[in-house]
Protein backbone atom coordinates (compact mmCIF):
# COMPACT_ATOMS: atom_id res chain seq x y z
CA MET A 1 -0.03 0.13 -0.13
CA ILE A 2 1.28 3.40 -0.85
CA HIS A 3 0.64 6.06 2.05
CA GLN A 4 1.00 9.83 0.97
CA LEU A 5 2.69 11.90 3.63
CA ASN A 6 1.82 15.36 3.33
CA LEU A 7 4.87 17.46 4.43
CA ARG A 8 5.99 21.15 4.06
CA ILE A 9 6.11 22.17 0.27
CA ALA A 10 6.01 18.47 -1.04
CA ASN A 11 4.79 14.96 -0.43
CA ALA A 12 6.60 12.14 0.54
CA TYR A 13 5.39 8.41 0.44
CA LEU A 14 5.55 5.52 2.74
CA ILE A 15 5.50 2.00 1.16
CA ASP A 16 4.26 -1.06 3.11
CA ALA A 17 7.16 -3.87 2.66
CA GLU A 18 8.29 -6.34 4.83
CA ARG A 19 10.45 -3.34 6.11
CA PRO A 20 8.73 0.14 5.13
CA ILE A 21 10.17 2.16 2.35
CA LEU A 22 10.12 5.89 2.04
CA VAL A 23 9.86 7.80 -1.25
CA ASP A 24 11.58 11.28 -0.96
CA SER A 25 12.00 12.86 2.41
CA GLY A 26 10.80 16.51 2.00
CA GLY A 27 12.23 19.79 2.10
CA PRO A 28 14.66 21.47 4.56
CA GLY A 29 12.89 21.97 7.81
CA SER A 30 10.34 18.76 7.06
CA TYR A 31 12.14 16.56 9.41
CA ASP A 32 10.05 16.93 12.34
CA GLY A 33 6.89 16.80 10.15
CA LEU A 34 8.02 13.73 8.38
CA VAL A 35 8.82 11.63 11.77
CA LYS A 36 5.30 12.67 12.89
CA ALA A 37 3.86 11.53 9.62
CA LEU A 38 5.81 8.25 9.79
CA ALA A 39 4.54 7.53 13.33
CA LYS A 40 0.81 8.11 12.30
CA HIS A 41 1.47 4.88 10.04
CA GLY A 42 3.35 3.14 12.87
CA THR A 43 6.72 3.32 11.52
CA ARG A 44 10.02 4.67 13.09
CA PRO A 45 12.78 6.20 11.17
CA ASP A 46 14.99 3.37 12.33
CA GLN A 47 12.50 0.88 10.65
CA LEU A 48 12.98 2.17 7.11
CA ALA A 49 14.83 -0.24 4.88
CA LEU A 50 15.48 2.48 2.00
CA ILE A 51 14.81 6.03 0.94
CA VAL A 52 14.19 6.15 -2.86
CA HIS A 53 14.48 9.63 -4.18
CA THR A 54 12.44 10.56 -7.30
CA HIS A 55 15.01 13.24 -8.08
CA GLY A 56 17.37 15.45 -6.40
CA HIS A 57 15.58 18.83 -5.81
CA GLY A 58 16.08 19.96 -2.21
CA ASP A 59 12.27 19.72 -1.61
CA HIS A 60 12.41 16.24 -2.13
CA VAL A 61 15.79 15.10 -0.32
CA GLY A 62 16.04 17.62 2.29
CA SER A 63 15.53 15.42 5.20
CA SER A 64 17.73 12.57 3.81
CA ALA A 65 21.26 13.78 4.92
CA ARG A 66 19.88 13.55 8.67
CA LEU A 67 17.98 10.07 8.13
CA GLN A 68 21.21 8.79 6.57
CA ARG A 69 23.61 10.01 9.20
CA GLU A 70 21.42 9.10 12.15
CA TYR A 71 20.05 5.76 11.30
CA SER A 72 22.43 4.74 8.54
CA ILE A 73 19.30 4.34 6.05
CA PRO A 74 20.57 3.51 2.40
CA THR A 75 19.34 6.30 0.19
CA ALA A 76 18.92 5.91 -3.57
CA LEU A 77 19.09 8.70 -6.29
CA HIS A 78 19.59 8.45 -10.07
CA PRO A 79 23.23 9.01 -10.99
CA LEU A 80 22.19 12.27 -13.19
CA ASP A 81 21.00 13.84 -10.12
CA LYS A 82 23.77 13.12 -7.75
CA THR A 83 25.39 16.16 -8.43
CA MET A 84 22.59 18.17 -6.72
CA ALA A 85 22.59 15.85 -3.66
CA GLN A 86 26.36 16.32 -3.03
CA ALA A 87 26.44 19.80 -3.58
CA GLY A 88 23.25 20.52 -1.29
CA ARG A 89 21.89 23.12 -4.22
CA ASN A 90 19.51 22.52 -6.91
CA ALA A 91 20.85 22.66 -10.43
CA PRO A 92 19.61 25.66 -12.54
CA PHE A 93 16.24 25.00 -14.27
CA LEU A 94 13.65 26.84 -16.66
CA TYR A 95 10.46 28.32 -15.47
CA ARG A 96 7.04 27.67 -16.49
CA ASP A 97 5.60 31.04 -16.42
CA VAL A 98 5.79 34.51 -14.92
CA ALA A 99 4.29 33.09 -11.68
CA ALA A 100 6.95 30.34 -11.49
CA ARG A 101 9.84 32.91 -11.87
CA ILE A 102 8.43 34.89 -8.99
CA ILE A 103 7.89 31.84 -6.74
CA GLY A 104 11.48 30.53 -7.47
CA PRO A 105 13.56 32.23 -5.00
CA PHE A 106 11.43 31.47 -2.33
CA VAL A 107 11.37 27.74 -2.95
CA ASP A 108 14.94 27.14 -4.50
CA LYS A 109 16.92 26.99 -1.00
CA PRO A 110 19.99 25.01 -0.10
CA PHE A 111 19.58 21.53 1.83
CA GLU A 112 22.03 19.70 3.75
CA ALA A 113 24.25 17.81 1.23
CA PHE A 114 24.63 13.92 1.35
CA ILE A 115 26.30 11.07 -0.59
CA PRO A 116 23.47 8.53 -2.17
CA THR A 117 24.56 4.82 -1.25
CA LEU A 118 22.88 3.45 -3.87
CA SER A 119 22.07 4.42 -7.76
CA SER A 120 18.42 4.18 -8.93
CA ASP A 121 19.26 3.02 -12.46
CA ASP A 122 18.47 0.14 -14.67
CA HIS A 123 20.44 -2.11 -12.17
CA PHE A 124 18.30 -1.15 -9.45
CA SER A 125 15.45 -3.45 -8.26
CA MET A 126 12.51 -2.67 -5.80
CA ARG A 127 11.70 -6.27 -5.95
CA SER A 128 14.45 -7.23 -4.07
CA TYR A 129 13.13 -5.17 -1.17
CA GLY A 130 9.88 -7.20 -1.65
CA VAL A 131 8.01 -4.35 -3.58
CA ALA A 132 6.18 -5.18 -6.64
CA ALA A 133 7.30 -2.27 -8.67
CA ASP A 134 9.79 -1.32 -11.34
CA ILE A 135 11.69 2.10 -11.32
CA VAL A 136 11.44 3.59 -14.72
CA PHE A 137 13.65 6.59 -16.10
CA THR A 138 11.06 9.78 -16.36
CA PRO A 139 13.38 12.68 -17.07
CA GLY A 140 12.22 16.22 -17.83
CA HIS A 141 11.52 17.75 -14.44
CA THR A 142 15.19 16.95 -13.91
CA THR A 143 17.82 15.10 -15.95
CA GLY A 144 17.65 12.06 -13.33
CA SER A 145 13.95 11.96 -12.66
CA ILE A 146 12.44 8.40 -11.98
CA SER A 147 9.31 6.91 -11.37
CA LEU A 148 8.11 3.88 -9.28
CA ILE A 149 5.37 2.09 -11.38
CA PHE A 150 3.57 -0.53 -9.30
CA ASP A 151 2.02 -3.81 -10.64
CA SER A 152 -1.19 -2.43 -9.35
CA GLY A 153 -1.33 0.44 -11.73
CA ASP A 154 -0.12 2.98 -9.25
CA ALA A 155 2.87 5.14 -9.68
CA ILE A 156 4.87 7.61 -7.79
CA VAL A 157 5.98 10.13 -10.24
CA GLY A 158 7.70 12.96 -8.19
CA ASP A 159 7.45 16.25 -10.07
CA VAL A 160 6.82 14.68 -13.79
CA LEU A 161 3.48 16.30 -13.05
CA MET A 162 1.92 18.37 -10.21
CA GLY A 163 -1.55 18.56 -8.80
CA GLY A 164 -3.61 21.66 -8.90
CA HIS A 165 -2.41 25.35 -7.93
CA MET A 166 -0.09 26.61 -4.94
CA GLY A 167 1.60 23.42 -4.69
CA GLY A 168 -1.66 21.48 -4.67
CA ALA A 169 -3.60 23.64 -2.07
CA PHE A 170 -6.10 24.29 -4.71
CA LEU A 171 -7.66 21.69 -7.43
CA PRO A 172 -5.07 18.89 -6.21
CA HIS A 173 -6.28 16.33 -8.93
CA LEU A 174 -5.86 18.75 -11.69
CA PRO A 175 -2.72 17.69 -13.74
CA ARG A 176 -0.22 20.86 -14.23
CA CYS A 177 3.16 20.91 -15.30
CA HIS A 178 5.54 21.85 -12.59
CA TYR A 179 6.59 25.37 -12.05
CA PHE A 180 10.08 24.25 -12.95
CA TYR A 181 11.66 22.02 -15.31
CA ASP A 182 14.66 20.80 -17.34
CA SER A 183 12.92 19.97 -20.57
CA LEU A 184 9.35 20.41 -21.50
CA LEU A 185 9.60 17.83 -24.26
CA ALA A 186 11.30 15.18 -21.83
CA ILE A 187 8.28 15.76 -19.72
CA HIS A 188 5.86 15.22 -22.40
CA GLN A 189 7.76 11.99 -23.49
CA SER A 190 7.95 10.76 -19.68
CA VAL A 191 4.43 10.96 -19.24
CA ALA A 192 3.61 9.10 -22.50
CA THR A 193 6.00 6.55 -21.28
CA LEU A 194 3.76 6.40 -17.90
CA LEU A 195 0.55 6.01 -19.71
CA GLU A 196 1.84 3.37 -22.19
CA ARG A 197 3.14 1.30 -19.07
CA GLY A 198 -0.38 1.11 -18.04
CA VAL A 199 -0.60 3.62 -15.03
CA GLU A 200 -4.02 4.45 -13.49
CA LYS A 201 -2.98 6.62 -10.61
CA PHE A 202 -0.33 9.32 -10.34
CA TYR A 203 0.97 9.97 -6.95
CA VAL A 204 2.80 13.40 -7.59
CA GLY A 205 5.24 15.56 -5.44
CA HIS A 206 2.86 18.23 -4.87
CA GLY A 207 -1.09 17.74 -4.64
CA GLY A 208 -2.70 14.68 -6.22
CA PRO A 209 -3.29 11.97 -6.66
CA LEU A 210 -4.13 12.19 -10.52
CA ALA A 211 -6.38 10.07 -12.29
CA ARG A 212 -5.10 8.67 -15.53
CA GLU A 213 -8.19 10.07 -17.78
CA ARG A 214 -7.13 13.45 -16.58
CA VAL A 215 -3.57 12.79 -17.43
CA GLU A 216 -4.41 11.64 -20.80
CA VAL A 217 -6.40 15.00 -21.44
CA TRP A 218 -3.44 17.32 -20.12
CA LEU A 219 -0.83 15.30 -22.35
CA LYS A 220 -3.05 15.71 -25.51
CA ASN A 221 -3.70 19.48 -24.76
CA HIS A 222 0.05 20.23 -23.96
CA ALA A 223 2.03 17.86 -26.21
CA SER A 224 2.16 20.49 -28.91
CA LEU A 225 4.38 22.85 -26.59
CA SER A 226 7.98 22.75 -26.97
CA THR A 227 9.26 25.98 -25.59
CA PRO A 228 9.08 27.16 -21.82
CA VAL A 229 6.76 30.28 -21.03
CA LEU A 230 9.11 33.00 -19.69
């Protein structure tokens, strides 16, 4: 089962397994909220088998250094995003629109750097942790973004898409392109890949979850766009 943990700024997810697995860890300052959210599901940080990151932005890896340091929890991140984790800074990105350019300085904050212990690439398997899911490379938001596609048809997709407005505070089930991204074309291709893989429910980093039918409509309406709106 997938449990959505609503933290400051971004969602994290707890996956039920023989030993629970955390997907993303929230932004800087989210640690206490994360521990409380885990406790609501009967989980302590020291019980986690693994932290998988959908990508390397600070609002998704902000508590990982502390969890890794205090509890020796293995952390997995795609090699193309490791530079951000090791530097404690986001890589430069493009802006979706003028509003995103205004929001940028308020959310693009440094975070405690860490060195991921595992690479979530083609050689990494969630099934070895007892989770019926595959990791799929879904770049676009960052060069190293990944998604977890479960046999059930659910998927945790990070910021490949977001839900609603103001980080999901309004209309959280409405698919939207994230405020920031690396390549709009790559996002469209990644969303198409997720649909082709049969994803029915999209668990996103902000807002959500998103239904397949709404994501299909979003892709149809936006696939013709190839340049960012500045």
